[in-house]
Every structure is written in structure tokens, then in C-alpha cells.
């Protein structure tokens, strides 16, 4: 997944301008323009991509067991799923670290 810095800055500015939401956890519901979505949409698309990569890996593995897939295709699908999972874990770790840093800030 490649993200242009200008798009990231625009999304950040748009997200910063949206209201936080209510106590139900709805963040800026309906306030994001149709042009590009917000951070929640970005995370949602990334997770959907991770799930799709995992499913493709599983599908290729099953095809390999049935001798219907080339070994190169299986290795490529599994490697892609592994890389996607590593990326998701790295992003999760950074989000947790940022949250902990915010919690430690003096009021």
C-alpha cells in the first residue's frame, strides 16, 4: 500500500476539521467529503486488503493441496499475506505507542 504525503496531509487536515462525535464512538459521522474519505476509511480499506490477502493465501494453499496451483503462485500469495500481516501489526504497535504517549502527557 502506497500513500502519497500530500494525500495524507489533506486527509489529516480534513480529519482535524471534523467533529469528534458522540459517546457512542461515532467519529465525525457523515462529515467526510466524498473526495477521499478519512482516517477511518483508510484503516478500513487497509484491513479489508489484509483480509483479502489472507483469503487469497488460503485459497491458493487449498488449490496447491489439490494439485491445481503452481508452487510459485502459492509462495507469492503466502508471502503477500505474511507481508500484509506484518504491516498491520507494525501499524497497530505504532498506534498503541502513540496512545500510550498521549496518556503519559501531563494535563
PDB file of N, CA and C in Angstrom:
ATOM      1  N   UNK A   1       0.841  -1.159   0.000  1.00  0.00           N
ATOM      2  CA  UNK A   1       0.000   0.000   0.000  1.00  0.00           C
ATOM      3  C   UNK A   1       0.892   1.231   0.000  1.00  0.00           C
ATOM      4  N   UNK A   2       0.672   2.114  -0.955  1.00  0.00           N
ATOM      5  CA  UNK A   2       1.466   3.325  -1.074  1.00  0.00           C
ATOM      6  C   UNK A   2       0.570   4.535  -0.825  1.00  0.00           C
ATOM      7  N   UNK A   3       1.044   5.447   0.030  1.00  0.00           N
ATOM      8  CA  UNK A   3       0.274   6.640   0.369  1.00  0.00           C
ATOM      9  C   UNK A   3       1.117   7.861   0.035  1.00  0.00           C
ATOM     10  N   UNK A   4       0.554   8.740  -0.775  1.00  0.00           N
ATOM     11  CA  UNK A   4       1.213   9.984  -1.130  1.00  0.00           C
ATOM     12  C   UNK A   4       1.163  10.923   0.073  1.00  0.00           C
ATOM     13  N   UNK A   5       2.273  11.625   0.344  1.00  0.00           N
ATOM     14  CA  UNK A   5       2.318  12.508   1.513  1.00  0.00           C
ATOM     15  C   UNK A   5       1.326  13.663   1.396  1.00  0.00           C
ATOM     16  N   UNK A   6       1.104  14.148   0.185  1.00  0.00           N
ATOM     17  CA  UNK A   6       0.135  15.229   0.005  1.00  0.00           C
ATOM     18  C   UNK A   6      -1.273  14.745   0.331  1.00  0.00           C
ATOM     19  N   UNK A   7      -1.606  13.525  -0.081  1.00  0.00           N
ATOM     20  CA  UNK A   7      -2.914  12.963   0.242  1.00  0.00           C
ATOM     21  C   UNK A   7      -3.055  12.745   1.741  1.00  0.00           C
ATOM     22  N   UNK A   8      -1.980  12.291   2.376  1.00  0.00           N
ATOM     23  CA  UNK A   8      -2.010  12.069   3.823  1.00  0.00           C
ATOM     24  C   UNK A   8      -2.217  13.386   4.556  1.00  0.00           C
ATOM     25  N   UNK A   9      -1.524  14.440   4.122  1.00  0.00           N
ATOM     26  CA  UNK A   9      -1.673  15.750   4.759  1.00  0.00           C
ATOM     27  C   UNK A   9      -3.092  16.291   4.565  1.00  0.00           C
ATOM     28  N   UNK A  10      -3.647  16.101   3.380  1.00  0.00           N
ATOM     29  CA  UNK A  10      -5.010  16.550   3.108  1.00  0.00           C
ATOM     30  C   UNK A  10      -6.003  15.783   3.972  1.00  0.00           C
ATOM     31  N   UNK A  11      -5.819  14.462   4.079  1.00  0.00           N
ATOM     32  CA  UNK A  11      -6.709  13.655   4.910  1.00  0.00           C
ATOM     33  C   UNK A  11      -6.603  14.055   6.371  1.00  0.00           C
ATOM     34  N   UNK A  12      -5.380  14.342   6.821  1.00  0.00           N
ATOM     35  CA  UNK A  12      -5.194  14.770   8.206  1.00  0.00           C
ATOM     36  C   UNK A  12      -5.904  16.096   8.458  1.00  0.00           C
ATOM     37  N   UNK A  13      -5.745  17.039   7.546  1.00  0.00           N
ATOM     38  CA  UNK A  13      -6.392  18.346   7.703  1.00  0.00           C
ATOM     39  C   UNK A  13      -7.909  18.196   7.712  1.00  0.00           C
ATOM     40  N   UNK A  14      -8.431  17.349   6.834  1.00  0.00           N
ATOM     41  CA  UNK A  14      -9.865  17.131   6.767  1.00  0.00           C
ATOM     42  C   UNK A  14     -10.360  16.462   8.060  1.00  0.00           C
ATOM     43  N   UNK A  15      -9.589  15.506   8.574  1.00  0.00           N
ATOM     44  CA  UNK A  15      -9.965  14.815   9.806  1.00  0.00           C
ATOM     45  C   UNK A  15      -9.900  15.751  10.999  1.00  0.00           C
ATOM     46  N   UNK A  16      -8.904  16.618  11.026  1.00  0.00           N
ATOM     47  CA  UNK A  16      -8.769  17.564  12.133  1.00  0.00           C
ATOM     48  C   UNK A  16      -9.944  18.533  12.175  1.00  0.00           C
ATOM     49  N   UNK A  17     -10.562  18.801  11.037  1.00  0.00           N
ATOM     50  CA  UNK A  17     -11.672  19.747  10.970  1.00  0.00           C
ATOM     51  C   UNK A  17     -13.012  19.102  11.281  1.00  0.00           C
ATOM     52  N   UNK A  18     -13.078  17.773  11.360  1.00  0.00           N
ATOM     53  CA  UNK A  18     -14.352  17.104  11.603  1.00  0.00           C
ATOM     54  C   UNK A  18     -14.628  17.024  13.095  1.00  0.00           C
ATOM     55  N   UNK A  19     -15.906  17.061  13.476  1.00  0.00           N
ATOM     56  CA  UNK A  19     -16.236  16.940  14.894  1.00  0.00           C
ATOM     57  C   UNK A  19     -15.893  15.553  15.422  1.00  0.00           C
ATOM     58  N   UNK A  20     -15.624  15.466  16.709  1.00  0.00           N
ATOM     59  CA  UNK A  20     -15.218  14.211  17.319  1.00  0.00           C
ATOM     60  C   UNK A  20     -16.356  13.202  17.343  1.00  0.00           C
ATOM     61  N   UNK A  21     -17.559  13.605  17.584  1.00  0.00           N
ATOM     62  CA  UNK A  21     -18.676  12.672  17.610  1.00  0.00           C
ATOM     63  C   UNK A  21     -19.303  12.601  18.981  1.00  0.00           C
ATOM     64  N   UNK A  22     -20.076  11.548  19.193  1.00  0.00           N
ATOM     65  CA  UNK A  22     -20.765  11.414  20.464  1.00  0.00           C
ATOM     66  C   UNK A  22     -20.172  10.275  21.278  1.00  0.00           C
ATOM     67  N   UNK A  23     -20.792   9.964  22.393  1.00  0.00           N
ATOM     68  CA  UNK A  23     -20.265   8.946  23.305  1.00  0.00           C
ATOM     69  C   UNK A  23     -20.386   7.541  22.754  1.00  0.00           C
ATOM     70  N   UNK A  24     -21.110   7.349  21.664  1.00  0.00           N
ATOM     71  CA  UNK A  24     -21.266   6.008  21.104  1.00  0.00           C
ATOM     72  C   UNK A  24     -20.056   5.577  20.312  1.00  0.00           C
ATOM     73  N   UNK A  25     -19.102   6.467  20.118  1.00  0.00           N
ATOM     74  CA  UNK A  25     -17.896   6.113  19.389  1.00  0.00           C
ATOM     75  C   UNK A  25     -17.943   6.506  17.934  1.00  0.00           C
ATOM     76  N   UNK A  26     -19.016   7.165  17.501  1.00  0.00           N
ATOM     77  CA  UNK A  26     -19.121   7.601  16.120  1.00  0.00           C
ATOM     78  C   UNK A  26     -18.234   8.817  15.934  1.00  0.00           C
ATOM     79  N   UNK A  27     -17.275   8.701  15.060  1.00  0.00           N
ATOM     80  CA  UNK A  27     -16.317   9.781  14.861  1.00  0.00           C
ATOM     81  C   UNK A  27     -16.667  10.518  13.583  1.00  0.00           C
ATOM     82  N   UNK A  28     -17.126  11.736  13.709  1.00  0.00           N
ATOM     83  CA  UNK A  28     -17.387  12.580  12.552  1.00  0.00           C
ATOM     84  C   UNK A  28     -18.327  11.951  11.542  1.00  0.00           C
ATOM     85  N   UNK A  29     -19.377  11.323  11.982  1.00  0.00           N
ATOM     86  CA  UNK A  29     -20.270  10.603  11.085  1.00  0.00           C
ATOM     87  C   UNK A  29     -20.873  11.545  10.061  1.00  0.00           C
ATOM     88  N   UNK A  30     -20.703  11.211   8.801  1.00  0.00           N
ATOM     89  CA  UNK A  30     -21.307  11.971   7.728  1.00  0.00           C
ATOM     90  C   UNK A  30     -20.609  13.274   7.401  1.00  0.00           C
ATOM     91  N   UNK A  31     -19.481  13.578   8.009  1.00  0.00           N
ATOM     92  CA  UNK A  31     -18.843  14.859   7.771  1.00  0.00           C
ATOM     93  C   UNK A  31     -17.681  14.764   6.796  1.00  0.00           C
ATOM     94  N   UNK A  32     -17.306  13.579   6.398  1.00  0.00           N
ATOM     95  CA  UNK A  32     -16.191  13.409   5.476  1.00  0.00           C
ATOM     96  C   UNK A  32     -16.711  13.580   4.057  1.00  0.00           C
ATOM     97  N   UNK A  33     -15.995  14.346   3.256  1.00  0.00           N
ATOM     98  CA  UNK A  33     -16.427  14.584   1.893  1.00  0.00           C
ATOM     99  C   UNK A  33     -16.214  13.339   1.045  1.00  0.00           C
ATOM    100  N   UNK A  34     -16.914  13.279  -0.076  1.00  0.00           N
ATOM    101  CA  UNK A  34     -16.815  12.122  -0.955  1.00  0.00           C
ATOM    102  C   UNK A  34     -15.488  12.074  -1.697  1.00  0.00           C
ATOM    103  N   UNK A  35     -14.676  13.110  -1.588  1.00  0.00           N
ATOM    104  CA  UNK A  35     -13.422  13.185  -2.331  1.00  0.00           C
ATOM    105  C   UNK A  35     -12.397  12.146  -1.960  1.00  0.00           C
ATOM    106  N   UNK A  36     -12.272  11.773  -0.690  1.00  0.00           N
ATOM    107  CA  UNK A  36     -11.209  10.852  -0.377  1.00  0.00           C
ATOM    108  C   UNK A  36     -11.413  10.041   0.879  1.00  0.00           C
ATOM    109  N   UNK A  37     -12.373  10.365   1.699  1.00  0.00           N
ATOM    110  CA  UNK A  37     -12.586   9.629   2.927  1.00  0.00           C
ATOM    111  C   UNK A  37     -11.665  10.125   4.020  1.00  0.00           C
ATOM    112  N   UNK A  38     -11.784   9.531   5.184  1.00  0.00           N
ATOM    113  CA  UNK A  38     -10.985   9.937   6.323  1.00  0.00           C
ATOM    114  C   UNK A  38     -10.072   8.821   6.792  1.00  0.00           C
ATOM    115  N   UNK A  39      -9.524   9.020   7.975  1.00  0.00           N
ATOM    116  CA  UNK A  39      -8.594   8.054   8.538  1.00  0.00           C
ATOM    117  C   UNK A  39      -9.280   6.714   8.776  1.00  0.00           C
ATOM    118  N   UNK A  40     -10.521   6.749   9.254  1.00  0.00           N
ATOM    119  CA  UNK A  40     -11.259   5.505   9.494  1.00  0.00           C
ATOM    120  C   UNK A  40     -11.440   4.731   8.197  1.00  0.00           C
ATOM    121  N   UNK A  41     -11.713   5.445   7.096  1.00  0.00           N
ATOM    122  CA  UNK A  41     -11.844   4.776   5.802  1.00  0.00           C
ATOM    123  C   UNK A  41     -10.521   4.175   5.354  1.00  0.00           C
ATOM    124  N   UNK A  42      -9.438   4.883   5.603  1.00  0.00           N
ATOM    125  CA  UNK A  42      -8.112   4.387   5.251  1.00  0.00           C
ATOM    126  C   UNK A  42      -7.797   3.104   6.010  1.00  0.00           C
ATOM    127  N   UNK A  43      -8.067   3.111   7.307  1.00  0.00           N
ATOM    128  CA  UNK A  43      -7.819   1.919   8.122  1.00  0.00           C
ATOM    129  C   UNK A  43      -8.727   0.778   7.687  1.00  0.00           C
ATOM    130  N   UNK A  44      -9.978   1.096   7.403  1.00  0.00           N
ATOM    131  CA  UNK A  44     -10.923   0.076   6.970  1.00  0.00           C
ATOM    132  C   UNK A  44     -10.485  -0.574   5.662  1.00  0.00           C
ATOM    133  N   UNK A  45     -10.054   0.246   4.712  1.00  0.00           N
ATOM    134  CA  UNK A  45      -9.587  -0.301   3.433  1.00  0.00           C
ATOM    135  C   UNK A  45      -8.332  -1.144   3.624  1.00  0.00           C
ATOM    136  N   UNK A  46      -7.438  -0.709   4.494  1.00  0.00           N
ATOM    137  CA  UNK A  46      -6.216  -1.467   4.747  1.00  0.00           C
ATOM    138  C   UNK A  46      -6.536  -2.819   5.376  1.00  0.00           C
ATOM    139  N   UNK A  47      -7.460  -2.837   6.331  1.00  0.00           N
ATOM    140  CA  UNK A  47      -7.836  -4.103   6.956  1.00  0.00           C
ATOM    141  C   UNK A  47      -8.569  -5.013   5.979  1.00  0.00           C
ATOM    142  N   UNK A  48      -9.404  -4.429   5.133  1.00  0.00           N
ATOM    143  CA  UNK A  48     -10.070  -5.234   4.108  1.00  0.00           C
ATOM    144  C   UNK A  48      -9.051  -5.863   3.163  1.00  0.00           C
ATOM    145  N   UNK A  49      -8.023  -5.105   2.822  1.00  0.00           N
ATOM    146  CA  UNK A  49      -6.959  -5.636   1.977  1.00  0.00           C
ATOM    147  C   UNK A  49      -6.194  -6.754   2.653  1.00  0.00           C
ATOM    148  N   UNK A  50      -5.967  -6.620   3.959  1.00  0.00           N
ATOM    149  CA  UNK A  50      -5.271  -7.660   4.712  1.00  0.00           C
ATOM    150  C   UNK A  50      -6.093  -8.937   4.759  1.00  0.00           C
ATOM    151  N   UNK A  51      -7.390  -8.786   4.972  1.00  0.00           N
ATOM    152  CA  UNK A  51      -8.276  -9.950   5.000  1.00  0.00           C
ATOM    153  C   UNK A  51      -8.315 -10.610   3.624  1.00  0.00           C
ATOM    154  N   UNK A  52      -8.378  -9.802   2.578  1.00  0.00           N
ATOM    155  CA  UNK A  52      -8.409 -10.346   1.212  1.00  0.00           C
ATOM    156  C   UNK A  52      -7.116 -11.094   0.892  1.00  0.00           C
ATOM    157  N   UNK A  53      -5.978 -10.562   1.333  1.00  0.00           N
ATOM    158  CA  UNK A  53      -4.700 -11.244   1.099  1.00  0.00           C
ATOM    159  C   UNK A  53      -4.654 -12.574   1.836  1.00  0.00           C
ATOM    160  N   UNK A  54      -5.177 -12.611   3.047  1.00  0.00           N
ATOM    161  CA  UNK A  54      -5.226 -13.860   3.799  1.00  0.00           C
ATOM    162  C   UNK A  54      -6.125 -14.888   3.148  1.00  0.00           C
ATOM    163  N   UNK A  55      -7.264 -14.437   2.647  1.00  0.00           N
ATOM    164  CA  UNK A  55      -8.179 -15.358   1.968  1.00  0.00           C
ATOM    165  C   UNK A  55      -7.574 -15.891   0.673  1.00  0.00           C
ATOM    166  N   UNK A  56      -6.889 -15.023  -0.060  1.00  0.00           N
ATOM    167  CA  UNK A  56      -6.234 -15.460  -1.293  1.00  0.00           C
ATOM    168  C   UNK A  56      -5.149 -16.481  -0.978  1.00  0.00           C
ATOM    169  N   UNK A  57      -4.420 -16.255   0.094  1.00  0.00           N
ATOM    170  CA  UNK A  57      -3.387 -17.207   0.514  1.00  0.00           C
ATOM    171  C   UNK A  57      -4.012 -18.552   0.855  1.00  0.00           C
ATOM    172  N   UNK A  58      -5.105 -18.525   1.595  1.00  0.00           N
ATOM    173  CA  UNK A  58      -5.800 -19.768   1.944  1.00  0.00           C
ATOM    174  C   UNK A  58      -6.322 -20.479   0.696  1.00  0.00           C
ATOM    175  N   UNK A  59      -6.879 -19.700  -0.231  1.00  0.00           N
ATOM    176  CA  UNK A  59      -7.423 -20.282  -1.464  1.00  0.00           C
ATOM    177  C   UNK A  59      -6.318 -20.951  -2.279  1.00  0.00           C
ATOM    178  N   UNK A  60      -5.176 -20.284  -2.381  1.00  0.00           N
ATOM    179  CA  UNK A  60      -4.064 -20.847  -3.141  1.00  0.00           C
ATOM    180  C   UNK A  60      -3.481 -22.077  -2.449  1.00  0.00           C
ATOM    181  N   UNK A  61      -3.473 -22.085  -1.126  1.00  0.00           N
ATOM    182  CA  UNK A  61      -2.980 -23.240  -0.385  1.00  0.00           C
ATOM    183  C   UNK A  61      -3.876 -24.450  -0.619  1.00  0.00           C
ATOM    184  N   UNK A  62      -5.170 -24.234  -0.599  1.00  0.00           N
ATOM    185  CA  UNK A  62      -6.111 -25.328  -0.857  1.00  0.00           C
ATOM    186  C   UNK A  62      -5.941 -25.845  -2.287  1.00  0.00           C
ATOM    187  N   UNK A  63      -5.755 -24.925  -3.244  1.00  0.00           N
ATOM    188  CA  UNK A  63      -5.531 -25.352  -4.627  1.00  0.00           C
ATOM    189  C   UNK A  63      -4.234 -26.151  -4.752  1.00  0.00           C
ATOM    190  N   UNK A  64      -3.208 -25.769  -3.989  1.00  0.00           N
ATOM    191  CA  UNK A  64      -1.938 -26.497  -4.037  1.00  0.00           C
ATOM    192  C   UNK A  64      -2.091 -27.898  -3.473  1.00  0.00           C
ATOM    193  N   UNK A  65      -2.879 -28.033  -2.416  1.00  0.00           N
ATOM    194  CA  UNK A  65      -3.115 -29.358  -1.844  1.00  0.00           C
ATOM    195  C   UNK A  65      -3.814 -30.258  -2.843  1.00  0.00           C
ATOM    196  N   UNK A  66      -4.682 -29.680  -3.661  1.00  0.00           N
ATOM    197  CA  UNK A  66      -5.406 -30.448  -4.677  1.00  0.00           C
ATOM    198  C   UNK A  66      -4.627 -30.549  -5.987  1.00  0.00           C
ATOM    199  N   UNK A  67      -3.361 -30.123  -5.982  1.00  0.00           N
ATOM    200  CA  UNK A  67      -2.505 -30.133  -7.184  1.00  0.00           C
ATOM    201  C   UNK A  67      -3.102 -29.337  -8.336  1.00  0.00           C
ATOM    202  N   UNK A  68      -3.724 -28.208  -8.025  1.00  0.00           N
ATOM    203  CA  UNK A  68      -4.324 -27.353  -9.051  1.00  0.00           C
ATOM    204  C   UNK A  68      -3.619 -26.008  -9.175  1.00  0.00           C
ATOM    205  N   UNK A  69      -2.574 -25.776  -8.386  1.00  0.00           N
ATOM    206  CA  UNK A  69      -1.895 -24.483  -8.413  1.00  0.00           C
ATOM    207  C   UNK A  69      -0.394 -24.687  -8.539  1.00  0.00           C
ATOM    208  N   UNK A  70       0.230 -23.722  -9.171  1.00  0.00           N
ATOM    209  CA  UNK A  70       1.686 -23.725  -9.296  1.00  0.00           C
ATOM    210  C   UNK A  70       2.294 -23.325  -7.960  1.00  0.00           C
ATOM    211  N   UNK A  71       3.417 -23.919  -7.615  1.00  0.00           N
ATOM    212  CA  UNK A  71       4.076 -23.634  -6.345  1.00  0.00           C
ATOM    213  C   UNK A  71       4.476 -22.160  -6.246  1.00  0.00           C
ATOM    214  N   UNK A  72       4.878 -21.559  -7.358  1.00  0.00           N
ATOM    215  CA  UNK A  72       5.245 -20.134  -7.341  1.00  0.00           C
ATOM    216  C   UNK A  72       4.064 -19.248  -6.960  1.00  0.00           C
ATOM    217  N   UNK A  73       2.879 -19.579  -7.459  1.00  0.00           N
ATOM    218  CA  UNK A  73       1.683 -18.805  -7.122  1.00  0.00           C
ATOM    219  C   UNK A  73       1.366 -18.920  -5.630  1.00  0.00           C
ATOM    220  N   UNK A  74       1.531 -20.119  -5.086  1.00  0.00           N
ATOM    221  CA  UNK A  74       1.255 -20.337  -3.669  1.00  0.00           C
ATOM    222  C   UNK A  74       2.239 -19.547  -2.809  1.00  0.00           C
ATOM    223  N   UNK A  75       3.509 -19.629  -3.138  1.00  0.00           N
ATOM    224  CA  UNK A  75       4.531 -18.918  -2.368  1.00  0.00           C
ATOM    225  C   UNK A  75       4.304 -17.413  -2.453  1.00  0.00           C
ATOM    226  N   UNK A  76       3.951 -16.914  -3.616  1.00  0.00           N
ATOM    227  CA  UNK A  76       3.681 -15.484  -3.778  1.00  0.00           C
ATOM    228  C   UNK A  76       2.485 -15.050  -2.934  1.00  0.00           C
ATOM    229  N   UNK A  77       1.414 -15.838  -2.948  1.00  0.00           N
ATOM    230  CA  UNK A  77       0.220 -15.490  -2.171  1.00  0.00           C
ATOM    231  C   UNK A  77       0.503 -15.532  -0.671  1.00  0.00           C
ATOM    232  N   UNK A  78       1.232 -16.550  -0.231  1.00  0.00           N
ATOM    233  CA  UNK A  78       1.543 -16.660   1.195  1.00  0.00           C
ATOM    234  C   UNK A  78       2.477 -15.534   1.628  1.00  0.00           C
ATOM    235  N   UNK A  79       3.461 -15.208   0.797  1.00  0.00           N
ATOM    236  CA  UNK A  79       4.382 -14.108   1.115  1.00  0.00           C
ATOM    237  C   UNK A  79       3.644 -12.781   1.185  1.00  0.00           C
ATOM    238  N   UNK A  80       2.714 -12.574   0.278  1.00  0.00           N
ATOM    239  CA  UNK A  80       1.931 -11.346   0.288  1.00  0.00           C
ATOM    240  C   UNK A  80       1.092 -11.245   1.562  1.00  0.00           C
ATOM    241  N   UNK A  81       0.476 -12.345   1.946  1.00  0.00           N
ATOM    242  CA  UNK A  81      -0.328 -12.349   3.174  1.00  0.00           C
ATOM    243  C   UNK A  81       0.556 -12.107   4.394  1.00  0.00           C
ATOM    244  N   UNK A  82       1.741 -12.696   4.410  1.00  0.00           N
ATOM    245  CA  UNK A  82       2.651 -12.509   5.535  1.00  0.00           C
ATOM    246  C   UNK A  82       3.109 -11.056   5.632  1.00  0.00           C
ATOM    247  N   UNK A  83       3.452 -10.455   4.506  1.00  0.00           N
ATOM    248  CA  UNK A  83       3.875  -9.058   4.490  1.00  0.00           C
ATOM    249  C   UNK A  83       2.746  -8.136   4.940  1.00  0.00           C
ATOM    250  N   UNK A  84       1.537  -8.425   4.489  1.00  0.00           N
ATOM    251  CA  UNK A  84       0.381  -7.624   4.891  1.00  0.00           C
ATOM    252  C   UNK A  84       0.144  -7.730   6.387  1.00  0.00           C
ATOM    253  N   UNK A  85       0.254  -8.935   6.932  1.00  0.00           N
ATOM    254  CA  UNK A  85       0.069  -9.122   8.368  1.00  0.00           C
ATOM    255  C   UNK A  85       1.146  -8.391   9.164  1.00  0.00           C
ATOM    256  N   UNK A  86       2.381  -8.447   8.696  1.00  0.00           N
ATOM    257  CA  UNK A  86       3.463  -7.735   9.373  1.00  0.00           C
ATOM    258  C   UNK A  86       3.216  -6.227   9.360  1.00  0.00           C
ATOM    259  N   UNK A  87       2.693  -5.716   8.258  1.00  0.00           N
ATOM    260  CA  UNK A  87       2.383  -4.284   8.152  1.00  0.00           C
ATOM    261  C   UNK A  87       1.273  -3.907   9.129  1.00  0.00           C
ATOM    262  N   UNK A  88       0.223  -4.722   9.195  1.00  0.00           N
ATOM    263  CA  UNK A  88      -0.882  -4.448  10.109  1.00  0.00           C
ATOM    264  C   UNK A  88      -0.390  -4.460  11.555  1.00  0.00           C
ATOM    265  N   UNK A  89       0.453  -5.415  11.906  1.00  0.00           N
ATOM    266  CA  UNK A  89       0.986  -5.494  13.266  1.00  0.00           C
ATOM    267  C   UNK A  89       1.860  -4.270  13.572  1.00  0.00           C
ATOM    268  N   UNK A  90       2.671  -3.841  12.612  1.00  0.00           N
ATOM    269  CA  UNK A  90       3.520  -2.668  12.818  1.00  0.00           C
ATOM    270  C   UNK A  90       2.680  -1.409  13.029  1.00  0.00           C
ATOM    271  N   UNK A  91       1.627  -1.250  12.240  1.00  0.00           N
ATOM    272  CA  UNK A  91       0.750  -0.086  12.394  1.00  0.00           C
ATOM    273  C   UNK A  91       0.043  -0.150  13.742  1.00  0.00           C
ATOM    274  N   UNK A  92      -0.426  -1.330  14.116  1.00  0.00           N
ATOM    275  CA  UNK A  92      -1.077  -1.489  15.422  1.00  0.00           C
ATOM    276  C   UNK A  92      -0.132  -1.104  16.560  1.00  0.00           C
ATOM    277  N   UNK A  93       1.107  -1.559  16.471  1.00  0.00           N
ATOM    278  CA  UNK A  93       2.094  -1.240  17.501  1.00  0.00           C
ATOM    279  C   UNK A  93       2.336   0.267  17.591  1.00  0.00           C
ATOM    280  N   UNK A  94       2.389   0.939  16.431  1.00  0.00           N
ATOM    281  CA  UNK A  94       2.606   2.392  16.429  1.00  0.00           C
ATOM    282  C   UNK A  94       1.407   3.134  17.015  1.00  0.00           C
ATOM    283  N   UNK A  95       0.211   2.658  16.724  1.00  0.00           N
ATOM    284  CA  UNK A  95      -0.996   3.287  17.275  1.00  0.00           C
ATOM    285  C   UNK A  95      -1.020   3.112  18.792  1.00  0.00           C
ATOM    286  N   UNK A  96      -0.690   1.933  19.271  1.00  0.00           N
ATOM    287  CA  UNK A  96      -0.648   1.698  20.716  1.00  0.00           C
ATOM    288  C   UNK A  96       0.411   2.573  21.370  1.00  0.00           C
ATOM    289  N   UNK A  97       1.571   2.694  20.747  1.00  0.00           N
ATOM    290  CA  UNK A  97       2.633   3.540  21.291  1.00  0.00           C
ATOM    291  C   UNK A  97       2.196   5.005  21.331  1.00  0.00           C
ATOM    292  N   UNK A  98       1.524   5.463  20.279  1.00  0.00           N
ATOM    293  CA  UNK A  98       1.033   6.843  20.262  1.00  0.00           C
ATOM    294  C   UNK A  98      -0.004   7.059  21.360  1.00  0.00           C
ATOM    295  N   UNK A  99      -0.887   6.100  21.546  1.00  0.00           N
ATOM    296  CA  UNK A  99      -1.889   6.196  22.609  1.00  0.00           C
ATOM    297  C   UNK A  99      -1.215   6.274  23.972  1.00  0.00           C
ATOM    298  N   UNK A 100      -0.219   5.425  24.195  1.00  0.00           N
ATOM    299  CA  UNK A 100       0.485   5.441  25.479  1.00  0.00           C
ATOM    300  C   UNK A 100       1.221   6.760  25.687  1.00  0.00           C
ATOM    301  N   UNK A 101       1.793   7.314  24.623  1.00  0.00           N
ATOM    302  CA  UNK A 101       2.457   8.614  24.732  1.00  0.00           C
ATOM    303  C   UNK A 101       1.468   9.716  25.098  1.00  0.00           C
ATOM    304  N   UNK A 102       0.286   9.660  24.525  1.00  0.00           N
ATOM    305  CA  UNK A 102      -0.737  10.654  24.820  1.00  0.00           C
ATOM    306  C   UNK A 102      -1.205  10.518  26.268  1.00  0.00           C
ATOM    307  N   UNK A 103      -1.370   9.292  26.727  1.00  0.00           N
ATOM    308  CA  UNK A 103      -1.803   9.059  28.109  1.00  0.00           C
ATOM    309  C   UNK A 103      -0.769   9.596  29.103  1.00  0.00           C
ATOM    310  N   UNK A 104       0.501   9.507  28.774  1.00  0.00           N
ATOM    311  CA  UNK A 104       1.564   9.963  29.672  1.00  0.00           C
ATOM    312  C   UNK A 104       1.740  11.481  29.695  1.00  0.00           C
ATOM    313  N   UNK A 105       1.117  12.187  28.759  1.00  0.00           N
ATOM    314  CA  UNK A 105       1.265  13.643  28.712  1.00  0.00           C
ATOM    315  C   UNK A 105       0.643  14.295  29.942  1.00  0.00           C
ATOM    316  N   UNK A 106       1.331  15.285  30.496  1.00  0.00           N
ATOM    317  CA  UNK A 106       0.721  15.993  31.635  1.00  0.00           C
ATOM    318  C   UNK A 106      -0.424  16.875  31.160  1.00  0.00           C
ATOM    319  N   UNK A 107      -1.366  17.030  32.030  1.00  0.00           N
ATOM    320  CA  UNK A 107      -2.559  17.834  31.673  1.00  0.00           C
ATOM    321  C   UNK A 107      -2.307  19.292  31.983  1.00  0.00           C
TER     322      UNK A 107
END
